[in-house]
PDB file of all heavy atoms in Angstrom:
ATOM      1  N   VAL A   1     -17.325   2.316   2.653  1.00  0.00           N
ATOM      2  CA  VAL A   1     -17.694   2.957   1.406  1.00  0.00           C
ATOM      3  C   VAL A   1     -18.848   2.269   0.804  1.00  0.00           C
ATOM      4  O   VAL A   1     -19.067   1.037   0.992  1.00  0.00           O
ATOM      5  CB  VAL A   1     -16.429   2.980   0.481  1.00  0.00           C
ATOM      6  CG1 VAL A   1     -16.051   1.589  -0.007  1.00  0.00           C
ATOM      7  CG2 VAL A   1     -16.756   3.893  -0.771  1.00  0.00           C
ATOM      8  N   GLN A   2     -19.699   2.947   0.064  1.00  0.00           N
ATOM      9  CA  GLN A   2     -20.830   2.375  -0.620  1.00  0.00           C
ATOM     10  C   GLN A   2     -20.386   1.642  -1.909  1.00  0.00           C
ATOM     11  O   GLN A   2     -19.404   1.984  -2.490  1.00  0.00           O
ATOM     12  CB  GLN A   2     -21.857   3.438  -0.976  1.00  0.00           C
ATOM     13  CG  GLN A   2     -22.529   4.111   0.209  1.00  0.00           C
ATOM     14  CD  GLN A   2     -23.633   5.095  -0.190  1.00  0.00           C
ATOM     15  OE1 GLN A   2     -23.864   5.318  -1.361  1.00  0.00           O
ATOM     16  NE2 GLN A   2     -24.251   5.665   0.803  1.00  0.00           N
ATOM     17  N   PRO A   3     -21.157   0.659  -2.309  1.00  0.00           N
ATOM     18  CA  PRO A   3     -20.831   0.001  -3.612  1.00  0.00           C
ATOM     19  C   PRO A   3     -20.712   1.018  -4.739  1.00  0.00           C
ATOM     20  O   PRO A   3     -21.526   1.948  -4.836  1.00  0.00           O
ATOM     21  CB  PRO A   3     -22.007  -0.964  -3.857  1.00  0.00           C
ATOM     22  CG  PRO A   3     -22.489  -1.272  -2.407  1.00  0.00           C
ATOM     23  CD  PRO A   3     -22.295   0.059  -1.692  1.00  0.00           C
ATOM     24  N   GLY A   4     -19.642   0.838  -5.561  1.00  0.00           N
ATOM     25  CA  GLY A   4     -19.425   1.801  -6.661  1.00  0.00           C
ATOM     26  C   GLY A   4     -18.501   2.865  -6.253  1.00  0.00           C
ATOM     27  O   GLY A   4     -18.047   3.614  -7.126  1.00  0.00           O
ATOM     28  N   GLY A   5     -18.225   3.004  -4.958  1.00  0.00           N
ATOM     29  CA  GLY A   5     -17.366   4.115  -4.520  1.00  0.00           C
ATOM     30  C   GLY A   5     -15.866   3.747  -4.598  1.00  0.00           C
ATOM     31  O   GLY A   5     -15.517   2.709  -5.117  1.00  0.00           O
ATOM     32  N   SER A   6     -14.993   4.619  -4.097  1.00  0.00           N
ATOM     33  CA  SER A   6     -13.583   4.499  -4.148  1.00  0.00           C
ATOM     34  C   SER A   6     -12.890   4.682  -2.831  1.00  0.00           C
ATOM     35  O   SER A   6     -13.382   5.437  -1.949  1.00  0.00           O
ATOM     36  CB  SER A   6     -13.040   5.506  -5.210  1.00  0.00           C
ATOM     37  OG  SER A   6     -13.521   5.323  -6.465  1.00  0.00           O
ATOM     38  N   LEU A   7     -11.787   4.053  -2.692  1.00  0.00           N
ATOM     39  CA  LEU A   7     -10.891   4.246  -1.508  1.00  0.00           C
ATOM     40  C   LEU A   7      -9.428   4.178  -2.048  1.00  0.00           C
ATOM     41  O   LEU A   7      -9.151   3.443  -2.971  1.00  0.00           O
ATOM     42  CB  LEU A   7     -11.124   3.207  -0.458  1.00  0.00           C
ATOM     43  CG  LEU A   7     -12.297   3.318   0.455  1.00  0.00           C
ATOM     44  CD1 LEU A   7     -12.366   2.115   1.366  1.00  0.00           C
ATOM     45  CD2 LEU A   7     -12.242   4.614   1.323  1.00  0.00           C
ATOM     46  N   ARG A   8      -8.570   4.864  -1.341  1.00  0.00           N
ATOM     47  CA  ARG A   8      -7.147   4.772  -1.606  1.00  0.00           C
ATOM     48  C   ARG A   8      -6.470   4.336  -0.308  1.00  0.00           C
ATOM     49  O   ARG A   8      -6.534   4.947   0.775  1.00  0.00           O
ATOM     50  CB  ARG A   8      -6.568   6.136  -2.039  1.00  0.00           C
ATOM     51  CG  ARG A   8      -5.033   6.038  -2.273  1.00  0.00           C
ATOM     52  CD  ARG A   8      -4.467   7.407  -2.660  1.00  0.00           C
ATOM     53  NE  ARG A   8      -4.854   7.807  -4.023  1.00  0.00           N
ATOM     54  CZ  ARG A   8      -4.115   7.505  -5.110  1.00  0.00           C
ATOM     55  NH1 ARG A   8      -3.028   6.821  -4.971  1.00  0.00           N
ATOM     56  NH2 ARG A   8      -4.559   7.924  -6.298  1.00  0.00           N
ATOM     57  N   LEU A   9      -5.772   3.228  -0.421  1.00  0.00           N
ATOM     58  CA  LEU A   9      -4.993   2.676   0.662  1.00  0.00           C
ATOM     59  C   LEU A   9      -3.526   3.050   0.521  1.00  0.00           C
ATOM     60  O   LEU A   9      -3.003   3.123  -0.573  1.00  0.00           O
ATOM     61  CB  LEU A   9      -5.089   1.139   0.748  1.00  0.00           C
ATOM     62  CG  LEU A   9      -6.487   0.549   0.879  1.00  0.00           C
ATOM     63  CD1 LEU A   9      -6.359  -0.996   0.985  1.00  0.00           C
ATOM     64  CD2 LEU A   9      -7.232   1.091   2.006  1.00  0.00           C
ATOM     65  N   SER A  10      -2.882   3.348   1.670  1.00  0.00           N
ATOM     66  CA  SER A  10      -1.451   3.663   1.615  1.00  0.00           C
ATOM     67  C   SER A  10      -0.643   2.802   2.595  1.00  0.00           C
ATOM     68  O   SER A  10      -1.201   2.438   3.629  1.00  0.00           O
ATOM     69  CB  SER A  10      -1.267   5.168   1.959  1.00  0.00           C
ATOM     70  OG  SER A  10      -1.788   6.006   1.011  1.00  0.00           O
ATOM     71  N   CYS A  11       0.507   2.474   2.253  1.00  0.00           N
ATOM     72  CA  CYS A  11       1.417   1.732   3.059  1.00  0.00           C
ATOM     73  C   CYS A  11       2.755   2.436   3.204  1.00  0.00           C
ATOM     74  O   CYS A  11       3.464   2.627   2.184  1.00  0.00           O
ATOM     75  CB  CYS A  11       1.605   0.303   2.485  1.00  0.00           C
ATOM     76  SG  CYS A  11       2.862  -0.701   3.355  1.00  0.00           S
ATOM     77  N   ALA A  12       3.115   2.833   4.376  1.00  0.00           N
ATOM     78  CA  ALA A  12       4.386   3.515   4.650  1.00  0.00           C
ATOM     79  C   ALA A  12       5.371   2.500   5.111  1.00  0.00           C
ATOM     80  O   ALA A  12       5.157   1.764   6.072  1.00  0.00           O
ATOM     81  CB  ALA A  12       4.201   4.602   5.691  1.00  0.00           C
ATOM     82  N   ALA A  13       6.487   2.434   4.410  1.00  0.00           N
ATOM     83  CA  ALA A  13       7.591   1.437   4.727  1.00  0.00           C
ATOM     84  C   ALA A  13       8.739   2.176   5.268  1.00  0.00           C
ATOM     85  O   ALA A  13       9.101   3.245   4.883  1.00  0.00           O
ATOM     86  CB  ALA A  13       7.997   0.676   3.382  1.00  0.00           C
ATOM     87  N   SER A  14       9.354   1.576   6.266  1.00  0.00           N
ATOM     88  CA  SER A  14      10.582   2.085   6.869  1.00  0.00           C
ATOM     89  C   SER A  14      11.513   0.955   7.201  1.00  0.00           C
ATOM     90  O   SER A  14      11.067  -0.234   7.297  1.00  0.00           O
ATOM     91  CB  SER A  14      10.249   2.917   8.126  1.00  0.00           C
ATOM     92  OG  SER A  14       9.601   2.138   9.112  1.00  0.00           O
ATOM     93  N   GLY A  15      12.756   1.256   7.474  1.00  0.00           N
ATOM     94  CA  GLY A  15      13.752   0.230   7.773  1.00  0.00           C
ATOM     95  C   GLY A  15      14.862   0.276   6.766  1.00  0.00           C
ATOM     96  O   GLY A  15      15.079   1.278   6.116  1.00  0.00           O
ATOM     97  N   SER A  16      15.566  -0.802   6.661  1.00  0.00           N
ATOM     98  CA  SER A  16      16.718  -0.907   5.739  1.00  0.00           C
ATOM     99  C   SER A  16      16.285  -1.163   4.322  1.00  0.00           C
ATOM    100  O   SER A  16      15.674  -2.197   4.037  1.00  0.00           O
ATOM    101  CB  SER A  16      17.695  -1.964   6.219  1.00  0.00           C
ATOM    102  OG  SER A  16      17.009  -3.241   6.317  1.00  0.00           O
ATOM    103  N   ASN A  17      16.661  -0.239   3.430  1.00  0.00           N
ATOM    104  CA  ASN A  17      16.427  -0.318   2.010  1.00  0.00           C
ATOM    105  C   ASN A  17      15.021  -0.821   1.641  1.00  0.00           C
ATOM    106  O   ASN A  17      14.870  -1.805   0.914  1.00  0.00           O
ATOM    107  CB  ASN A  17      17.454  -1.302   1.386  1.00  0.00           C
ATOM    108  CG  ASN A  17      18.839  -0.819   1.614  1.00  0.00           C
ATOM    109  OD1 ASN A  17      19.150   0.396   1.423  1.00  0.00           O
ATOM    110  ND2 ASN A  17      19.810  -1.726   1.952  1.00  0.00           N
ATOM    111  N   PRO A  18      13.957  -0.171   2.088  1.00  0.00           N
ATOM    112  CA  PRO A  18      12.621  -0.660   1.761  1.00  0.00           C
ATOM    113  C   PRO A  18      12.281  -0.621   0.258  1.00  0.00           C
ATOM    114  O   PRO A  18      11.480  -1.378  -0.212  1.00  0.00           O
ATOM    115  CB  PRO A  18      11.720   0.271   2.590  1.00  0.00           C
ATOM    116  CG  PRO A  18      12.499   1.500   2.787  1.00  0.00           C
ATOM    117  CD  PRO A  18      13.926   1.015   2.942  1.00  0.00           C
ATOM    118  N   SER A  19      12.953   0.307  -0.469  1.00  0.00           N
ATOM    119  CA  SER A  19      12.701   0.420  -1.860  1.00  0.00           C
ATOM    120  C   SER A  19      13.215  -0.768  -2.714  1.00  0.00           C
ATOM    121  O   SER A  19      12.890  -0.832  -3.846  1.00  0.00           O
ATOM    122  CB  SER A  19      13.270   1.724  -2.415  1.00  0.00           C
ATOM    123  OG  SER A  19      14.642   1.782  -2.266  1.00  0.00           O
ATOM    124  N   SER A  20      14.032  -1.583  -2.117  1.00  0.00           N
ATOM    125  CA  SER A  20      14.584  -2.743  -2.829  1.00  0.00           C
ATOM    126  C   SER A  20      13.635  -3.957  -2.900  1.00  0.00           C
ATOM    127  O   SER A  20      13.961  -4.982  -3.495  1.00  0.00           O
ATOM    128  CB  SER A  20      15.909  -3.160  -2.242  1.00  0.00           C
ATOM    129  OG  SER A  20      15.778  -3.684  -0.934  1.00  0.00           O
ATOM    130  N   TYR A  21      12.522  -3.940  -2.208  1.00  0.00           N
ATOM    131  CA  TYR A  21      11.572  -5.031  -2.138  1.00  0.00           C
ATOM    132  C   TYR A  21      10.518  -4.951  -3.128  1.00  0.00           C
ATOM    133  O   TYR A  21      10.148  -3.872  -3.613  1.00  0.00           O
ATOM    134  CB  TYR A  21      10.983  -5.055  -0.723  1.00  0.00           C
ATOM    135  CG  TYR A  21      11.975  -5.429   0.364  1.00  0.00           C
ATOM    136  CD1 TYR A  21      12.751  -4.513   0.969  1.00  0.00           C
ATOM    137  CD2 TYR A  21      12.079  -6.778   0.813  1.00  0.00           C
ATOM    138  CE1 TYR A  21      13.615  -4.851   1.983  1.00  0.00           C
ATOM    139  CE2 TYR A  21      12.921  -7.144   1.845  1.00  0.00           C
ATOM    140  CZ  TYR A  21      13.724  -6.151   2.383  1.00  0.00           C
ATOM    141  OH  TYR A  21      14.577  -6.445   3.419  1.00  0.00           O
ATOM    142  N   ILE A  22       9.933  -6.092  -3.480  1.00  0.00           N
ATOM    143  CA  ILE A  22       8.687  -6.165  -4.206  1.00  0.00           C
ATOM    144  C   ILE A  22       7.621  -5.796  -3.147  1.00  0.00           C
ATOM    145  O   ILE A  22       7.532  -6.403  -2.084  1.00  0.00           O
ATOM    146  CB  ILE A  22       8.484  -7.575  -4.798  1.00  0.00           C
ATOM    147  CG1 ILE A  22       9.552  -7.872  -5.824  1.00  0.00           C
ATOM    148  CG2 ILE A  22       7.093  -7.653  -5.439  1.00  0.00           C
ATOM    149  CD1 ILE A  22       9.591  -9.300  -6.336  1.00  0.00           C
ATOM    150  N   MET A  23       6.687  -4.937  -3.545  1.00  0.00           N
ATOM    151  CA  MET A  23       5.645  -4.523  -2.695  1.00  0.00           C
ATOM    152  C   MET A  23       4.320  -5.014  -3.172  1.00  0.00           C
ATOM    153  O   MET A  23       4.086  -5.133  -4.390  1.00  0.00           O
ATOM    154  CB  MET A  23       5.608  -2.980  -2.557  1.00  0.00           C
ATOM    155  CG  MET A  23       6.915  -2.342  -2.127  1.00  0.00           C
ATOM    156  SD  MET A  23       7.346  -2.757  -0.381  1.00  0.00           S
ATOM    157  CE  MET A  23       5.998  -1.969   0.485  1.00  0.00           C
ATOM    158  N   GLY A  24       3.373  -5.168  -2.245  1.00  0.00           N
ATOM    159  CA  GLY A  24       2.097  -5.631  -2.708  1.00  0.00           C
ATOM    160  C   GLY A  24       0.982  -5.533  -1.635  1.00  0.00           C
ATOM    161  O   GLY A  24       1.286  -5.198  -0.524  1.00  0.00           O
ATOM    162  N   TRP A  25      -0.207  -5.715  -2.092  1.00  0.00           N
ATOM    163  CA  TRP A  25      -1.390  -5.724  -1.174  1.00  0.00           C
ATOM    164  C   TRP A  25      -2.058  -7.062  -1.302  1.00  0.00           C
ATOM    165  O   TRP A  25      -2.269  -7.636  -2.386  1.00  0.00           O
ATOM    166  CB  TRP A  25      -2.374  -4.606  -1.599  1.00  0.00           C
ATOM    167  CG  TRP A  25      -1.942  -3.244  -1.339  1.00  0.00           C
ATOM    168  CD1 TRP A  25      -1.275  -2.415  -2.147  1.00  0.00           C
ATOM    169  CD2 TRP A  25      -2.151  -2.541  -0.110  1.00  0.00           C
ATOM    170  NE1 TRP A  25      -1.013  -1.216  -1.502  1.00  0.00           N
ATOM    171  CE2 TRP A  25      -1.553  -1.282  -0.219  1.00  0.00           C
ATOM    172  CE3 TRP A  25      -2.716  -2.869   1.103  1.00  0.00           C
ATOM    173  CZ2 TRP A  25      -1.548  -0.340   0.759  1.00  0.00           C
ATOM    174  CZ3 TRP A  25      -2.718  -1.932   2.135  1.00  0.00           C
ATOM    175  CH2 TRP A  25      -2.128  -0.697   1.954  1.00  0.00           C
ATOM    176  N   TYR A  26      -2.441  -7.583  -0.110  1.00  0.00           N
ATOM    177  CA  TYR A  26      -3.180  -8.824   0.014  1.00  0.00           C
ATOM    178  C   TYR A  26      -4.399  -8.573   0.861  1.00  0.00           C
ATOM    179  O   TYR A  26      -4.465  -7.581   1.582  1.00  0.00           O
ATOM    180  CB  TYR A  26      -2.316  -9.930   0.666  1.00  0.00           C
ATOM    181  CG  TYR A  26      -1.057 -10.304  -0.164  1.00  0.00           C
ATOM    182  CD1 TYR A  26       0.005  -9.394  -0.325  1.00  0.00           C
ATOM    183  CD2 TYR A  26      -0.994 -11.512  -0.814  1.00  0.00           C
ATOM    184  CE1 TYR A  26       1.104  -9.722  -1.098  1.00  0.00           C
ATOM    185  CE2 TYR A  26       0.120 -11.857  -1.561  1.00  0.00           C
ATOM    186  CZ  TYR A  26       1.166 -10.963  -1.669  1.00  0.00           C
ATOM    187  OH  TYR A  26       2.238 -11.293  -2.438  1.00  0.00           O
TER     188      TYR A  26
END
């Protein structure tokens, strides 16, 4: 992407109780 532009990242979680975790991007 060019400077000043935008992107949307997505992370799909699967497995046991993924919604119970703290989620983040590094």
